[in-house]
Amino acid sequence: MKLGLCVIGCGGFARTFAEAMRSLSGELDLYFASRDAARARAYAAEFGGAGFFGSYAEAAADSRVEALYICTPHHLHLDHAKLAADAGKHLLIEKPIARTVPEGQEIVSAAELGGVRLMVAENYRFLPAVRKAKELIDSGALGNLRLIQIQEQYPFNPVEWRNDPELNGGGVLIDGGIHKASVLAYLTGRPNQIYASAVPSAKPSMAAEDGIVVITKSATGVVGIINHTWSVSKHSERPWVSISGTSGSIYFELGLPWLKLVDATETKTLQLDDEHRGLAPMVREFSRSIREGRAPSMTGAEAIKDLNMVRKAYESMELRTPVPLDTPEE
């Protein structure tokens, strides 16, 4: 049985998402909704959509639609989540789940009251290299963990709501850096302390940070480093992840189909599935959670913990001191 999924918000990433959904055409009936009906119609025509809507409310009311994929600006997530939950529609919501932890908790509560599944679209957790790294770490291949480093440099120029700290919730960290916070927590466990510092801005038009370094530490002493910036003139090869332990290390580049495993005697390059965005397996997991009546692997509560890391990093940046990472109430 196909899942009737409607994309709410026909912007740039909705196009990327729809392109990735072509591989799930046998499992998915994809709809599109926009406040501009012509735009929704155009997306449906381009991507073989099952239909389109000229308003989000119309999509939420249609019986063919079982779930909504909320791909709207961050400040609208709460309103659109409530719209979906009130209509009894399951929710796949873009990261970050919200701008603040209280907003995220409201979204989780709305889904619970509506009796619907809620999954946050943290596609990085579905990348083959991330999954393989998790498997190797859990198997003890690296020994006791010591350090994880994640770096991305990308020449992105945010405009409109993305360059408004109130609407976006911040700058580069909450927008793209939250992916890295999520990967760090998934692979090496939740840290209990965080320190962050913005780097000098290279974009005078930016209203929030365009580059940031985050350092975390766990109860067992594992150190994490995230370096994410929008302030370079040339794209780095790929975002990369390096994880070291007492008996080995891992290196991979996000979105590429390989992973290097190094120990005292050799370096192995493991070839993986060529799934460079993780979107298709993410949506398949969302669909299966609905059909099987279970929580998805990336719950709202887990997404709130990722968001809490970001908010605490901003707090540290303002205070210029490390701050403890408490666990937000679910």
Foldseek 3Di string as FASTA:
>chain_A
DAAEEEEEDPDDVVLVLLVVCLVVVVRYQYAYEDCCQVSRVVSCVVRVHPYYYNHLLVLLQDPSHQAYEYPDFQQCLLVSLLSNLVSLHAYEYEPLSHLALVSLVSSQVSNVVSVHAYFYPLLLCLFFVLVVLQVCVVVCVQPAWAEKEKEFEAQDDDDDQQQPCVRRNAHDCRPPVLSVLLSCCSRRNDFFKKAKAADDDPDPSRPHGQWMWMWTAHPVGHIYIYTYGNRDPDGDPAIKMKIHHPFWIKIDGQQAQWIWIDGPPDIDIGGHDNPRRSSVVSVVQVVVCRVVVHHGPGGSLNSSLSSQNVVQNVVNNVVVHMDTRDRDDD
